[in-house]
Amino acid sequence: NTTAQEIWKIIVDNVFSIGTVGVSPAVMGIRIVKNTMGNIPARQVNMQHARTPQSSHPATFYFKG
């Protein structure tokens, strides 16, 4: 039981995390688009109330042949 407690203490004391949600380059307006996609706007609205790709009409995106 003491071994398990020591292991648990090591795990708790050495927590490492890599943030995957939060401030990302997308917040700063950086977008990545694959070369084979078409009808992608060069600029996109980036405001607090418009944090969605919907403003660029993704239904009109397509893959180039």
N, C-alpha and C. Protein backbone atom coordinates (compact mmCIF):
# COMPACT_ATOMS: atom_id res chain seq x y z
N ASN A 1 0.83 -1.20 0.00
CA ASN A 1 0.00 0.00 0.00
C ASN A 1 0.87 1.26 0.00
N THR A 2 1.99 1.23 0.73
CA THR A 2 2.86 2.41 0.75
C THR A 2 3.52 2.64 -0.60
N THR A 3 3.79 1.56 -1.32
CA THR A 3 4.36 1.71 -2.66
C THR A 3 3.37 2.42 -3.58
N ALA A 4 2.12 2.02 -3.50
CA ALA A 4 1.08 2.67 -4.32
C ALA A 4 0.95 4.14 -3.95
N GLN A 5 1.03 4.46 -2.68
CA GLN A 5 0.95 5.86 -2.25
C GLN A 5 2.14 6.66 -2.77
N GLU A 6 3.33 6.05 -2.77
CA GLU A 6 4.51 6.74 -3.30
C GLU A 6 4.37 6.98 -4.80
N ILE A 7 3.88 5.98 -5.50
CA ILE A 7 3.67 6.14 -6.95
C ILE A 7 2.65 7.24 -7.21
N TRP A 8 1.57 7.22 -6.45
CA TRP A 8 0.53 8.25 -6.62
C TRP A 8 1.10 9.64 -6.34
N LYS A 9 1.93 9.78 -5.32
CA LYS A 9 2.54 11.07 -5.00
C LYS A 9 3.43 11.55 -6.14
N ILE A 10 4.21 10.64 -6.73
CA ILE A 10 5.06 11.00 -7.87
C ILE A 10 4.20 11.47 -9.04
N ILE A 11 3.12 10.75 -9.30
CA ILE A 11 2.23 11.13 -10.41
C ILE A 11 1.63 12.51 -10.17
N VAL A 12 1.16 12.76 -8.95
CA VAL A 12 0.52 14.04 -8.64
C VAL A 12 1.52 15.18 -8.68
N ASP A 13 2.73 14.96 -8.20
CA ASP A 13 3.75 16.02 -8.15
C ASP A 13 4.34 16.34 -9.52
N ASN A 14 4.24 15.43 -10.47
CA ASN A 14 4.86 15.62 -11.78
C ASN A 14 3.83 15.65 -12.90
N VAL A 15 2.82 16.46 -12.74
CA VAL A 15 1.79 16.56 -13.77
C VAL A 15 2.26 17.49 -14.87
N PHE A 16 2.24 17.00 -16.08
CA PHE A 16 2.58 17.81 -17.24
C PHE A 16 1.36 17.87 -18.14
N SER A 17 1.11 19.01 -18.70
CA SER A 17 -0.02 19.12 -19.61
C SER A 17 0.37 19.93 -20.83
N ILE A 18 -0.18 19.54 -21.94
CA ILE A 18 0.01 20.27 -23.19
C ILE A 18 -1.35 20.83 -23.55
N GLY A 19 -1.47 22.14 -23.55
CA GLY A 19 -2.75 22.76 -23.85
C GLY A 19 -3.16 22.55 -25.29
N THR A 20 -4.35 22.05 -25.48
CA THR A 20 -4.87 21.87 -26.83
C THR A 20 -6.09 22.74 -27.09
N VAL A 21 -6.60 23.36 -26.04
CA VAL A 21 -7.76 24.23 -26.19
C VAL A 21 -7.42 25.56 -25.54
N GLY A 22 -7.73 26.63 -26.19
CA GLY A 22 -7.45 27.94 -25.63
C GLY A 22 -6.89 28.86 -26.67
N VAL A 23 -5.97 29.69 -26.27
CA VAL A 23 -5.39 30.66 -27.19
C VAL A 23 -4.55 29.92 -28.22
N SER A 24 -4.95 30.03 -29.45
CA SER A 24 -4.24 29.38 -30.54
C SER A 24 -3.94 30.41 -31.61
N PRO A 25 -3.13 30.07 -32.59
CA PRO A 25 -2.88 31.02 -33.68
C PRO A 25 -4.16 31.44 -34.41
N ALA A 26 -5.19 30.62 -34.36
CA ALA A 26 -6.45 30.97 -35.02
C ALA A 26 -7.07 32.21 -34.40
N VAL A 27 -6.85 32.42 -33.10
CA VAL A 27 -7.37 33.61 -32.44
C VAL A 27 -6.73 34.86 -33.02
N MET A 28 -5.49 34.73 -33.46
CA MET A 28 -4.77 35.87 -34.03
C MET A 28 -5.05 36.03 -35.52
N GLY A 29 -5.91 35.19 -36.09
CA GLY A 29 -6.29 35.32 -37.49
C GLY A 29 -5.52 34.42 -38.43
N ILE A 30 -4.72 33.51 -37.91
CA ILE A 30 -3.96 32.61 -38.77
C ILE A 30 -4.84 31.44 -39.16
N ARG A 31 -4.91 31.17 -40.45
CA ARG A 31 -5.70 30.05 -40.95
C ARG A 31 -4.81 29.20 -41.84
N ILE A 32 -5.04 27.92 -41.84
CA ILE A 32 -4.30 27.00 -42.69
C ILE A 32 -5.29 26.35 -43.64
N VAL A 33 -4.96 26.40 -44.92
CA VAL A 33 -5.83 25.84 -45.94
C VAL A 33 -5.00 24.95 -46.85
N LYS A 34 -5.52 23.80 -47.16
CA LYS A 34 -4.83 22.89 -48.06
C LYS A 34 -4.88 23.43 -49.48
N ASN A 35 -3.84 23.20 -50.25
CA ASN A 35 -3.75 23.71 -51.62
C ASN A 35 -4.85 23.18 -52.53
N THR A 36 -5.39 22.03 -52.21
CA THR A 36 -6.38 21.42 -53.09
C THR A 36 -7.80 21.89 -52.81
N MET A 37 -7.97 22.87 -51.96
CA MET A 37 -9.31 23.38 -51.66
C MET A 37 -9.55 24.68 -52.39
N GLY A 38 -10.79 24.88 -52.82
CA GLY A 38 -11.13 26.09 -53.55
C GLY A 38 -12.24 26.87 -52.88
N ASN A 39 -12.40 28.10 -53.31
CA ASN A 39 -13.40 29.04 -52.82
C ASN A 39 -13.20 29.37 -51.34
N ILE A 40 -11.96 29.37 -50.91
CA ILE A 40 -11.62 29.72 -49.53
C ILE A 40 -11.31 31.21 -49.51
N PRO A 41 -11.98 31.99 -48.67
CA PRO A 41 -11.70 33.43 -48.64
C PRO A 41 -10.29 33.72 -48.12
N ALA A 42 -9.68 34.74 -48.67
CA ALA A 42 -8.34 35.13 -48.23
C ALA A 42 -8.37 35.70 -46.82
N ARG A 43 -9.48 36.30 -46.45
CA ARG A 43 -9.63 36.87 -45.11
C ARG A 43 -10.93 36.36 -44.51
N GLN A 44 -10.96 36.31 -43.19
CA GLN A 44 -12.15 35.83 -42.50
C GLN A 44 -12.41 36.72 -41.29
N VAL A 45 -13.67 36.91 -40.97
CA VAL A 45 -14.04 37.72 -39.81
C VAL A 45 -13.52 37.05 -38.55
N ASN A 46 -12.92 37.83 -37.67
CA ASN A 46 -12.37 37.29 -36.44
C ASN A 46 -12.75 38.22 -35.29
N MET A 47 -13.97 38.07 -34.80
CA MET A 47 -14.46 38.89 -33.70
C MET A 47 -15.05 37.98 -32.63
N GLN A 48 -15.22 38.50 -31.45
CA GLN A 48 -15.73 37.70 -30.34
C GLN A 48 -17.08 37.07 -30.66
N HIS A 49 -17.97 37.83 -31.28
CA HIS A 49 -19.31 37.30 -31.55
C HIS A 49 -19.37 36.51 -32.86
N ALA A 50 -18.26 36.41 -33.58
CA ALA A 50 -18.25 35.68 -34.86
C ALA A 50 -17.15 34.64 -34.88
N ARG A 51 -16.96 33.93 -33.79
CA ARG A 51 -15.90 32.91 -33.73
C ARG A 51 -16.40 31.59 -34.31
N THR A 52 -16.72 31.64 -35.55
CA THR A 52 -17.20 30.46 -36.25
C THR A 52 -16.81 30.60 -37.71
N PRO A 53 -16.50 29.52 -38.38
CA PRO A 53 -16.18 29.61 -39.81
C PRO A 53 -17.41 29.87 -40.67
N GLN A 54 -18.58 29.89 -40.07
CA GLN A 54 -19.83 30.06 -40.82
C GLN A 54 -19.85 31.36 -41.62
N SER A 55 -19.17 32.39 -41.16
CA SER A 55 -19.18 33.67 -41.87
C SER A 55 -18.48 33.59 -43.22
N SER A 56 -17.67 32.56 -43.44
CA SER A 56 -17.00 32.40 -44.74
C SER A 56 -17.71 31.39 -45.63
N HIS A 57 -18.90 30.95 -45.23
CA HIS A 57 -19.76 30.05 -46.01
C HIS A 57 -19.05 28.75 -46.41
N PRO A 58 -18.72 27.92 -45.44
CA PRO A 58 -17.99 26.68 -45.75
C PRO A 58 -18.76 25.72 -46.64
N ALA A 59 -20.07 25.91 -46.77
CA ALA A 59 -20.84 25.04 -47.67
C ALA A 59 -20.43 25.23 -49.12
N THR A 60 -19.76 26.35 -49.42
CA THR A 60 -19.33 26.61 -50.80
C THR A 60 -17.89 26.19 -51.06
N PHE A 61 -17.20 25.66 -50.06
CA PHE A 61 -15.83 25.18 -50.27
C PHE A 61 -15.87 23.93 -51.14
N TYR A 62 -14.81 23.67 -51.86
CA TYR A 62 -14.75 22.46 -52.68
C TYR A 62 -13.31 22.00 -52.81
N PHE A 63 -13.16 20.76 -53.21
CA PHE A 63 -11.83 20.21 -53.48
C PHE A 63 -11.56 20.31 -54.97
N LYS A 64 -10.41 20.84 -55.32
CA LYS A 64 -10.05 20.98 -56.73
C LYS A 64 -9.74 19.61 -57.31
N GLY A 65 -10.08 19.46 -58.58
CA GLY A 65 -9.88 18.18 -59.26
C GLY A 65 -8.55 18.09 -59.78
